Amino acid sequence: MFIGFNLGFFPMHVAGLLGMPRRIYTYAPHMGWTTVNMLTSVGSFVFAAGILLFLVNILVSLKRGVPATSNPWDAPTLEWAVPSPPPAYNFAVIPFVASRHPLWEDRLGEGTGRSSLEQGYLLMEGRETIGTTPLDATPDIILKMPDDSYAPFFLGLFSALVFVGLLLHWRDFTVLMAAACSLSLIVWMWPRKALVQHVPDIECDKEAAHV
């Protein structure tokens, strides 16, 4: 497929440099484009043969292949830490990572702590996201996100009307729309008890672990 792709598409650039227009199906033999178009045709057949071989490989693997394990390549990174096939949620918790190769920490002895893939922050109560410390990005809090609100829509609407009032020199209207913008912003940003941030109790070395 690699050889066929490059053999099929690269000569098209050469044909364009030789003056061949795009999207034509025939041309006179004396134009000098015959050789490069022949190479393109040969490359397309080679590419088709590669695709056919790939499809045959899929069918043979489905019938005779051995099911792959969770980490068939013995890779060191997080994407190979989930089962195969992976669940819809990927990781049940947000894992703590203490090194560049969390699955090879026992072999390499790198990092200042131990990664934890089973224990971590659990985001399960609505719209939540992780919060970190500002300097070293260590996760230390769960932030509650607000629900849907019409306040941003009205803020944008009243903001547009402020500029309409300025253009038309309607002083009272502009002041009224500016007050409406302030009211929309207050409604949007007003703190609510339902969005209280909380810190879960996790048995992990937070100073050494990073998301």
C-alpha atoms as a PDB file:
ATOM      1  CA  MET A   1       0.000   0.000   0.000  1.00  0.00           C
ATOM      2  CA  PHE A   2       2.860   2.403   0.779  1.00  0.00           C
ATOM      3  CA  ILE A   3       4.579   1.771  -2.557  1.00  0.00           C
ATOM      4  CA  GLY A   4       1.324   1.853  -4.517  1.00  0.00           C
ATOM      5  CA  PHE A   5       0.147   5.076  -2.903  1.00  0.00           C
ATOM      6  CA  ASN A   6       3.350   6.972  -3.661  1.00  0.00           C
ATOM      7  CA  LEU A   7       3.694   5.453  -7.129  1.00  0.00           C
ATOM      8  CA  GLY A   8       0.106   6.398  -7.882  1.00  0.00           C
ATOM      9  CA  PHE A   9       0.014   9.963  -6.582  1.00  0.00           C
ATOM     10  CA  PHE A  10       3.530  11.363  -6.957  1.00  0.00           C
ATOM     11  CA  PRO A  11       3.560  11.179 -10.791  1.00  0.00           C
ATOM     12  CA  MET A  12       0.375  13.275 -10.754  1.00  0.00           C
ATOM     13  CA  HIS A  13       2.445  16.200  -9.465  1.00  0.00           C
ATOM     14  CA  VAL A  14       4.921  15.673 -12.297  1.00  0.00           C
ATOM     15  CA  ALA A  15       2.069  15.586 -14.823  1.00  0.00           C
ATOM     16  CA  GLY A  16       0.772  18.861 -13.434  1.00  0.00           C
ATOM     17  CA  LEU A  17       4.203  20.456 -13.776  1.00  0.00           C
ATOM     18  CA  LEU A  18       4.254  19.253 -17.383  1.00  0.00           C
ATOM     19  CA  GLY A  19       1.040  21.178 -18.014  1.00  0.00           C
ATOM     20  CA  MET A  20      -1.610  18.476 -17.773  1.00  0.00           C
ATOM     21  CA  PRO A  21      -4.953  19.996 -16.659  1.00  0.00           C
ATOM     22  CA  ARG A  22      -7.012  18.353 -13.960  1.00  0.00           C
ATOM     23  CA  ARG A  23     -10.135  16.255 -14.406  1.00  0.00           C
ATOM     24  CA  ILE A  24      -9.675  15.082 -17.980  1.00  0.00           C
ATOM     25  CA  TYR A  25     -10.054  11.470 -19.028  1.00  0.00           C
ATOM     26  CA  THR A  26      -8.206  11.519 -22.351  1.00  0.00           C
ATOM     27  CA  TYR A  27      -5.421  13.434 -24.078  1.00  0.00           C
ATOM     28  CA  ALA A  28      -3.384  13.379 -27.262  1.00  0.00           C
ATOM     29  CA  PRO A  29      -0.370  11.003 -27.263  1.00  0.00           C
ATOM     30  CA  HIS A  30       2.100  13.734 -28.230  1.00  0.00           C
ATOM     31  CA  MET A  31       1.507  15.831 -25.086  1.00  0.00           C
ATOM     32  CA  GLY A  32       4.301  14.082 -23.141  1.00  0.00           C
ATOM     33  CA  TRP A  33       2.093  12.853 -20.301  1.00  0.00           C
ATOM     34  CA  THR A  34       1.939   9.180 -21.295  1.00  0.00           C
ATOM     35  CA  THR A  35       4.787   7.875 -19.123  1.00  0.00           C
ATOM     36  CA  VAL A  36       3.760   9.624 -15.902  1.00  0.00           C
ATOM     37  CA  ASN A  37       0.133   8.570 -16.363  1.00  0.00           C
ATOM     38  CA  MET A  38       1.242   4.986 -16.963  1.00  0.00           C
ATOM     39  CA  LEU A  39       3.161   5.099 -13.684  1.00  0.00           C
ATOM     40  CA  THR A  40       0.055   6.430 -11.967  1.00  0.00           C
ATOM     41  CA  SER A  41      -2.019   3.598 -13.393  1.00  0.00           C
ATOM     42  CA  VAL A  42       0.525   0.998 -12.292  1.00  0.00           C
ATOM     43  CA  GLY A  43       0.622   2.546  -8.812  1.00  0.00           C
ATOM     44  CA  SER A  44      -3.167   2.428  -8.531  1.00  0.00           C
ATOM     45  CA  PHE A  45      -3.176  -1.300  -9.252  1.00  0.00           C
ATOM     46  CA  VAL A  46      -0.375  -1.882  -6.734  1.00  0.00           C
ATOM     47  CA  PHE A  47      -2.325   0.127  -4.167  1.00  0.00           C
ATOM     48  CA  ALA A  48      -5.475  -1.900  -4.916  1.00  0.00           C
ATOM     49  CA  ALA A  49      -3.491  -5.115  -4.433  1.00  0.00           C
ATOM     50  CA  GLY A  50      -2.305  -3.850  -1.045  1.00  0.00           C
ATOM     51  CA  ILE A  51      -5.869  -3.094   0.015  1.00  0.00           C
ATOM     52  CA  LEU A  52      -6.961  -6.535  -1.144  1.00  0.00           C
ATOM     53  CA  LEU A  53      -4.167  -8.130   0.880  1.00  0.00           C
ATOM     54  CA  PHE A  54      -5.269  -6.112   3.911  1.00  0.00           C
ATOM     55  CA  LEU A  55      -8.872  -7.309   3.534  1.00  0.00           C
ATOM     56  CA  VAL A  56      -7.710 -10.921   3.164  1.00  0.00           C
ATOM     57  CA  ASN A  57      -5.645 -10.511   6.321  1.00  0.00           C
ATOM     58  CA  ILE A  58      -8.742  -9.284   8.192  1.00  0.00           C
ATOM     59  CA  LEU A  59     -10.822 -12.249   7.064  1.00  0.00           C
ATOM     60  CA  VAL A  60      -8.096 -14.778   7.900  1.00  0.00           C
ATOM     61  CA  SER A  61      -7.530 -13.158  11.299  1.00  0.00           C
ATOM     62  CA  LEU A  62     -11.244 -13.257  12.099  1.00  0.00           C
ATOM     63  CA  LYS A  63     -11.373 -16.971  11.286  1.00  0.00           C
ATOM     64  CA  ARG A  64      -8.027 -18.259  12.552  1.00  0.00           C
ATOM     65  CA  GLY A  65      -6.413 -15.472  14.512  1.00  0.00           C
ATOM     66  CA  VAL A  66      -5.777 -15.661  18.244  1.00  0.00           C
ATOM     67  CA  PRO A  67      -7.608 -12.919  20.231  1.00  0.00           C
ATOM     68  CA  ALA A  68      -5.221 -10.198  21.323  1.00  0.00           C
ATOM     69  CA  THR A  69      -4.533  -9.561  24.973  1.00  0.00           C
ATOM     70  CA  SER A  70      -5.048  -6.202  26.653  1.00  0.00           C
ATOM     71  CA  ASN A  71      -1.473  -5.120  25.860  1.00  0.00           C
ATOM     72  CA  PRO A  72      -0.214  -7.317  22.998  1.00  0.00           C
ATOM     73  CA  TRP A  73       2.805  -5.079  22.277  1.00  0.00           C
ATOM     74  CA  ASP A  74       3.872  -4.789  25.928  1.00  0.00           C
ATOM     75  CA  ALA A  75       3.703  -1.001  25.533  1.00  0.00           C
ATOM     76  CA  PRO A  76       4.514   1.325  28.447  1.00  0.00           C
ATOM     77  CA  THR A  77       1.876   4.047  28.063  1.00  0.00           C
ATOM     78  CA  LEU A  78      -1.622   4.577  29.423  1.00  0.00           C
ATOM     79  CA  GLU A  79      -3.613   3.787  26.292  1.00  0.00           C
ATOM     80  CA  TRP A  80      -2.509   0.150  26.664  1.00  0.00           C
ATOM     81  CA  ALA A  81      -3.617  -0.050  30.300  1.00  0.00           C
ATOM     82  CA  VAL A  82      -7.319  -0.486  29.463  1.00  0.00           C
ATOM     83  CA  PRO A  83      -8.834  -3.865  28.558  1.00  0.00           C
ATOM     84  CA  SER A  84      -9.388  -4.966  24.976  1.00  0.00           C
ATOM     85  CA  PRO A  85     -11.872  -3.995  23.660  1.00  0.00           C
ATOM     86  CA  PRO A  86     -11.834  -0.838  25.797  1.00  0.00           C
ATOM     87  CA  PRO A  87     -14.966   0.134  27.734  1.00  0.00           C
ATOM     88  CA  ALA A  88     -17.001   3.159  26.708  1.00  0.00           C
ATOM     89  CA  TYR A  89     -15.715   5.199  29.631  1.00  0.00           C
ATOM     90  CA  ASN A  90     -12.058   4.306  29.003  1.00  0.00           C
ATOM     91  CA  PHE A  91     -10.791   4.705  32.598  1.00  0.00           C
ATOM     92  CA  ALA A  92     -13.185   4.331  35.522  1.00  0.00           C
ATOM     93  CA  VAL A  93     -11.152   6.932  37.429  1.00  0.00           C
ATOM     94  CA  ILE A  94      -8.663   9.578  36.361  1.00  0.00           C
ATOM     95  CA  PRO A  95      -5.340   7.801  36.883  1.00  0.00           C
ATOM     96  CA  PHE A  96      -2.350   9.323  38.612  1.00  0.00           C
ATOM     97  CA  VAL A  97       0.808   9.149  36.502  1.00  0.00           C
ATOM     98  CA  ALA A  98       4.229   9.497  38.096  1.00  0.00           C
ATOM     99  CA  SER A  99       6.510   8.777  35.132  1.00  0.00           C
ATOM    100  CA  ARG A 100       6.731   8.781  31.356  1.00  0.00           C
ATOM    101  CA  HIS A 101       6.235   5.000  31.204  1.00  0.00           C
ATOM    102  CA  PRO A 102       3.671   4.124  33.888  1.00  0.00           C
ATOM    103  CA  LEU A 103       3.416   0.466  32.819  1.00  0.00           C
ATOM    104  CA  TRP A 104       7.180  -0.040  32.939  1.00  0.00           C
ATOM    105  CA  GLU A 105       7.962   1.613  36.268  1.00  0.00           C
ATOM    106  CA  ASP A 106       9.031  -1.667  37.867  1.00  0.00           C
ATOM    107  CA  ARG A 107      11.477  -2.327  35.026  1.00  0.00           C
ATOM    108  CA  LEU A 108      12.930   1.153  34.563  1.00  0.00           C
ATOM    109  CA  GLY A 109      12.768   2.492  38.096  1.00  0.00           C
ATOM    110  CA  GLU A 110      11.967   5.971  36.812  1.00  0.00           C
ATOM    111  CA  GLY A 111       9.824   8.644  38.389  1.00  0.00           C
ATOM    112  CA  THR A 112       9.623   9.951  41.935  1.00  0.00           C
ATOM    113  CA  GLY A 113       6.537   7.912  42.874  1.00  0.00           C
ATOM    114  CA  ARG A 114       4.277   5.138  41.742  1.00  0.00           C
ATOM    115  CA  SER A 115       1.481   5.568  39.249  1.00  0.00           C
ATOM    116  CA  SER A 116      -2.012   4.558  40.281  1.00  0.00           C
ATOM    117  CA  LEU A 117      -4.403   3.340  37.585  1.00  0.00           C
ATOM    118  CA  GLU A 118      -7.123   1.937  39.861  1.00  0.00           C
ATOM    119  CA  GLN A 119      -7.339   4.730  42.430  1.00  0.00           C
ATOM    120  CA  GLY A 120      -7.956   8.296  41.333  1.00  0.00           C
ATOM    121  CA  TYR A 121     -10.494  11.047  41.027  1.00  0.00           C
ATOM    122  CA  LEU A 122     -13.974   9.774  40.204  1.00  0.00           C
ATOM    123  CA  LEU A 123     -16.088  12.195  38.166  1.00  0.00           C
ATOM    124  CA  MET A 124     -19.587  10.794  38.512  1.00  0.00           C
ATOM    125  CA  GLU A 125     -21.805  13.577  39.872  1.00  0.00           C
ATOM    126  CA  GLY A 126     -22.869  15.483  36.802  1.00  0.00           C
ATOM    127  CA  ARG A 127     -20.617  17.948  35.051  1.00  0.00           C
ATOM    128  CA  GLU A 128     -17.276  17.819  36.793  1.00  0.00           C
ATOM    129  CA  THR A 129     -13.693  18.422  35.848  1.00  0.00           C
ATOM    130  CA  ILE A 130     -10.360  18.098  37.533  1.00  0.00           C
ATOM    131  CA  GLY A 131      -8.568  21.052  39.119  1.00  0.00           C
ATOM    132  CA  THR A 132      -4.815  21.242  39.649  1.00  0.00           C
ATOM    133  CA  THR A 133      -2.325  23.323  41.554  1.00  0.00           C
ATOM    134  CA  PRO A 134      -1.098  26.337  39.537  1.00  0.00           C
ATOM    135  CA  LEU A 135       2.644  25.648  39.667  1.00  0.00           C
ATOM    136  CA  ASP A 136       3.167  21.912  39.180  1.00  0.00           C
ATOM    137  CA  ALA A 137      -0.273  20.833  37.864  1.00  0.00           C
ATOM    138  CA  THR A 138      -0.819  18.341  40.659  1.00  0.00           C
ATOM    139  CA  PRO A 139      -4.519  17.364  40.808  1.00  0.00           C
ATOM    140  CA  ASP A 140      -6.035  18.393  44.105  1.00  0.00           C
ATOM    141  CA  ILE A 141      -9.706  19.243  43.630  1.00  0.00           C
ATOM    142  CA  ILE A 142     -12.853  18.426  41.666  1.00  0.00           C
ATOM    143  CA  LEU A 143     -14.595  21.424  40.117  1.00  0.00           C
ATOM    144  CA  LYS A 144     -18.336  21.397  39.582  1.00  0.00           C
ATOM    145  CA  MET A 145     -19.411  22.859  36.253  1.00  0.00           C
ATOM    146  CA  PRO A 146     -22.643  24.890  35.954  1.00  0.00           C
ATOM    147  CA  ASP A 147     -25.666  23.562  34.090  1.00  0.00           C
ATOM    148  CA  ASP A 148     -27.113  25.017  30.890  1.00  0.00           C
ATOM    149  CA  SER A 149     -28.212  28.640  31.182  1.00  0.00           C
ATOM    150  CA  TYR A 150     -29.840  31.272  29.000  1.00  0.00           C
ATOM    151  CA  ALA A 151     -27.787  33.992  30.689  1.00  0.00           C
ATOM    152  CA  PRO A 152     -24.948  33.946  28.068  1.00  0.00           C
ATOM    153  CA  PHE A 153     -27.498  34.295  25.265  1.00  0.00           C
ATOM    154  CA  PHE A 154     -29.130  37.322  26.863  1.00  0.00           C
ATOM    155  CA  LEU A 155     -25.723  38.790  27.687  1.00  0.00           C
ATOM    156  CA  GLY A 156     -24.759  38.613  24.017  1.00  0.00           C
ATOM    157  CA  LEU A 157     -28.132  40.006  22.921  1.00  0.00           C
ATOM    158  CA  PHE A 158     -28.037  42.972  25.303  1.00  0.00           C
ATOM    159  CA  SER A 159     -24.391  43.638  24.401  1.00  0.00           C
ATOM    160  CA  ALA A 160     -25.352  43.924  20.737  1.00  0.00           C
ATOM    161  CA  LEU A 161     -28.198  46.263  21.649  1.00  0.00           C
ATOM    162  CA  VAL A 162     -25.750  48.440  23.604  1.00  0.00           C
ATOM    163  CA  PHE A 163     -23.807  49.066  20.399  1.00  0.00           C
ATOM    164  CA  VAL A 164     -27.031  49.660  18.480  1.00  0.00           C
ATOM    165  CA  GLY A 165     -27.943  52.339  21.009  1.00  0.00           C
ATOM    166  CA  LEU A 166     -24.483  53.894  20.701  1.00  0.00           C
ATOM    167  CA  LEU A 167     -24.728  54.008  16.904  1.00  0.00           C
ATOM    168  CA  LEU A 168     -28.174  55.612  17.010  1.00  0.00           C
ATOM    169  CA  HIS A 169     -27.252  57.966  19.889  1.00  0.00           C
ATOM    170  CA  TRP A 170     -30.052  56.615  22.098  1.00  0.00           C
ATOM    171  CA  ARG A 171     -28.612  57.441  25.488  1.00  0.00           C
ATOM    172  CA  ASP A 172     -31.417  56.087  27.675  1.00  0.00           C
ATOM    173  CA  PHE A 173     -31.692  52.903  25.620  1.00  0.00           C
ATOM    174  CA  THR A 174     -27.922  52.344  25.808  1.00  0.00           C
ATOM    175  CA  VAL A 175     -27.883  52.788  29.579  1.00  0.00           C
ATOM    176  CA  LEU A 176     -30.833  50.410  29.942  1.00  0.00           C
ATOM    177  CA  MET A 177     -29.153  47.728  27.799  1.00  0.00           C
ATOM    178  CA  ALA A 178     -25.891  48.142  29.731  1.00  0.00           C
ATOM    179  CA  ALA A 179     -27.812  47.560  32.961  1.00  0.00           C
ATOM    180  CA  ALA A 180     -29.399  44.472  31.383  1.00  0.00           C
ATOM    181  CA  CYS A 181     -25.887  43.224  30.486  1.00  0.00           C
ATOM    182  CA  SER A 182     -24.796  43.661  34.090  1.00  0.00           C
ATOM    183  CA  LEU A 183     -27.881  41.822  35.348  1.00  0.00           C
ATOM    184  CA  SER A 184     -27.303  38.930  32.906  1.00  0.00           C
ATOM    185  CA  LEU A 185     -23.677  38.673  33.985  1.00  0.00           C
ATOM    186  CA  ILE A 186     -24.659  38.630  37.669  1.00  0.00           C
ATOM    187  CA  VAL A 187     -27.230  35.884  37.055  1.00  0.00           C
ATOM    188  CA  TRP A 188     -24.664  33.896  35.080  1.00  0.00           C
ATOM    189  CA  MET A 189     -21.866  34.198  37.647  1.00  0.00           C
ATOM    190  CA  TRP A 190     -23.926  34.072  40.844  1.00  0.00           C
ATOM    191  CA  PRO A 191     -22.433  31.367  43.122  1.00  0.00           C
ATOM    192  CA  ARG A 192     -24.618  28.372  43.908  1.00  0.00           C
ATOM    193  CA  LYS A 193     -24.321  25.849  46.687  1.00  0.00           C
ATOM    194  CA  ALA A 194     -24.755  22.999  44.196  1.00  0.00           C
ATOM    195  CA  LEU A 195     -21.394  23.907  42.650  1.00  0.00           C
ATOM    196  CA  VAL A 196     -19.349  23.562  45.818  1.00  0.00           C
ATOM    197  CA  GLN A 197     -15.888  22.204  45.065  1.00  0.00           C
ATOM    198  CA  HIS A 198     -14.828  19.117  46.929  1.00  0.00           C
ATOM    199  CA  VAL A 199     -11.680  17.099  47.398  1.00  0.00           C
ATOM    200  CA  PRO A 200     -11.982  13.294  47.368  1.00  0.00           C
ATOM    201  CA  ASP A 201     -10.072  11.055  49.728  1.00  0.00           C
ATOM    202  CA  ILE A 202      -7.511   9.262  47.593  1.00  0.00           C
ATOM    203  CA  GLU A 203      -4.713   7.094  48.876  1.00  0.00           C
ATOM    204  CA  CYS A 204      -2.004   8.230  46.521  1.00  0.00           C
ATOM    205  CA  ASP A 205       1.230  10.164  46.666  1.00  0.00           C
ATOM    206  CA  LYS A 206      -0.079  13.428  45.206  1.00  0.00           C
ATOM    207  CA  GLU A 207       3.263  15.185  45.357  1.00  0.00           C
ATOM    208  CA  ALA A 208       4.801  12.611  43.040  1.00  0.00           C
ATOM    209  CA  ALA A 209       1.811  11.968  40.793  1.00  0.00           C
ATOM    210  CA  HIS A 210       0.621  14.045  37.892  1.00  0.00           C
ATOM    211  CA  VAL A 211      -2.298  13.610  35.527  1.00  0.00           C
END
